[in-house]
Amino acid sequence: MERSHQYGRFYEEIKPALKSKLEEFRLFGYERVTEKELWDYLTKKKWKKVKEDIHLYEVVADVLSVQAGELMNHATVEAFKLGDFSLEDEEERQKLLK
């Protein structure tokens, strides 16, 4: 797990919050979301602008406030950027619709 983000110093302390959020996603049917994907979303999107004097409770609140739709939108955009699939391939379209 890449922890080079400035908030990476909180990673071990917020692990329970990350696990809790993943469990919540699983309750809503998002079984495939991983801790790495959640962390990537947080570091690349939610915490894009680093706050120098951020406190642990603010980082935890950010983790617990992530909504599944936000994470899925981010994952979709990242997949398009990486070119992981093509809309012209029927099999890939079916994967996208799952």
Protein backbone atom coordinates (compact mmCIF):
# COMPACT_ATOMS: atom_id res chain seq x y z
CA MET A 1 0.00 0.00 0.00
CA GLU A 2 1.46 3.33 -1.04
CA ARG A 3 1.57 5.60 1.96
CA SER A 4 3.66 8.35 0.40
CA HIS A 5 0.75 10.77 0.69
CA GLN A 6 1.22 13.27 3.49
CA TYR A 7 -1.68 11.71 5.42
CA GLY A 8 0.03 8.32 5.19
CA ARG A 9 1.37 9.02 8.66
CA PHE A 10 -2.16 8.34 9.94
CA TYR A 11 -2.55 5.08 8.02
CA GLU A 12 -2.05 2.62 10.88
CA GLU A 13 -4.27 4.63 13.20
CA ILE A 14 -7.16 4.88 10.72
CA LYS A 15 -7.05 1.24 9.64
CA PRO A 16 -10.10 0.40 11.81
CA ALA A 17 -12.06 3.18 10.08
CA LEU A 18 -11.00 1.86 6.66
CA LYS A 19 -12.11 -1.65 7.61
CA SER A 20 -15.41 -0.32 8.96
CA LYS A 21 -16.08 1.55 5.72
CA LEU A 22 -15.29 -1.56 3.66
CA GLU A 23 -17.73 -3.57 5.79
CA GLU A 24 -20.38 -0.93 5.17
CA PHE A 25 -19.76 -1.15 1.42
CA ARG A 26 -20.13 -4.92 1.60
CA LEU A 27 -23.52 -4.51 3.32
CA PHE A 28 -24.62 -2.41 0.34
CA GLY A 29 -23.39 -5.01 -2.16
CA TYR A 30 -19.97 -3.59 -3.02
CA GLU A 31 -18.04 -6.73 -2.09
CA ARG A 32 -15.14 -6.12 -4.42
CA VAL A 33 -13.95 -2.78 -3.03
CA THR A 34 -10.51 -3.21 -1.52
CA GLU A 35 -8.65 -1.26 1.13
CA LYS A 36 -6.17 -0.16 -1.54
CA GLU A 37 -8.97 1.19 -3.76
CA LEU A 38 -10.46 3.10 -0.85
CA TRP A 39 -7.06 4.50 0.11
CA ASP A 40 -6.34 5.47 -3.51
CA TYR A 41 -9.67 7.31 -3.70
CA LEU A 42 -8.95 9.17 -0.49
CA THR A 43 -5.42 10.19 -1.46
CA LYS A 44 -6.14 11.05 -5.09
CA LYS A 45 -9.54 12.65 -4.77
CA LYS A 46 -10.72 13.43 -1.24
CA TRP A 47 -7.33 14.60 0.02
CA LYS A 48 -6.07 16.07 -3.23
CA LYS A 49 -5.50 19.37 -1.43
CA VAL A 50 -3.40 18.58 1.61
CA LYS A 51 -4.28 20.44 4.79
CA GLU A 52 -1.09 21.06 6.76
CA ASP A 53 -2.60 21.10 10.24
CA ILE A 54 -5.12 18.28 9.85
CA HIS A 55 -6.05 16.25 12.91
CA LEU A 56 -6.60 12.52 13.21
CA TYR A 57 -10.32 12.96 13.88
CA GLU A 58 -10.69 14.87 10.59
CA VAL A 59 -8.98 12.10 8.64
CA VAL A 60 -11.23 9.49 10.27
CA ALA A 61 -14.31 11.61 9.52
CA ASP A 62 -13.24 11.81 5.86
CA VAL A 63 -12.90 8.03 5.69
CA LEU A 64 -16.28 7.41 7.29
CA SER A 65 -18.02 9.99 5.08
CA VAL A 66 -17.04 8.34 1.77
CA GLN A 67 -20.12 7.31 -0.18
CA ALA A 68 -20.14 4.30 -2.45
CA GLY A 69 -21.24 6.38 -5.44
CA GLU A 70 -18.28 8.72 -5.05
CA LEU A 71 -15.87 5.82 -4.94
CA MET A 72 -17.48 4.09 -7.93
CA ASN A 73 -17.41 7.30 -10.00
CA HIS A 74 -13.73 7.73 -9.20
CA ALA A 75 -13.00 4.10 -10.10
CA THR A 76 -14.83 4.48 -13.41
CA VAL A 77 -12.91 7.62 -14.34
CA GLU A 78 -9.60 5.98 -13.39
CA ALA A 79 -10.46 2.93 -15.50
CA PHE A 80 -11.16 5.15 -18.49
CA LYS A 81 -7.86 6.97 -17.95
CA LEU A 82 -5.97 3.69 -17.84
CA GLY A 83 -7.82 2.28 -20.82
CA ASP A 84 -8.58 -0.94 -18.94
CA PHE A 85 -11.61 -1.69 -21.07
CA SER A 86 -13.24 -0.75 -24.32
CA LEU A 87 -16.92 -0.03 -24.83
CA GLU A 88 -16.66 -1.67 -28.24
CA ASP A 89 -16.05 -5.11 -26.73
CA GLU A 90 -19.32 -6.79 -25.67
CA GLU A 91 -17.63 -8.72 -22.85
CA GLU A 92 -16.10 -5.53 -21.46
CA ARG A 93 -19.47 -3.73 -21.63
CA GLN A 94 -21.03 -6.55 -19.61
CA LYS A 95 -18.28 -6.25 -16.97
CA LEU A 96 -18.98 -2.54 -16.73
CA LEU A 97 -22.69 -3.13 -16.17
CA LYS A 98 -22.15 -5.56 -13.29
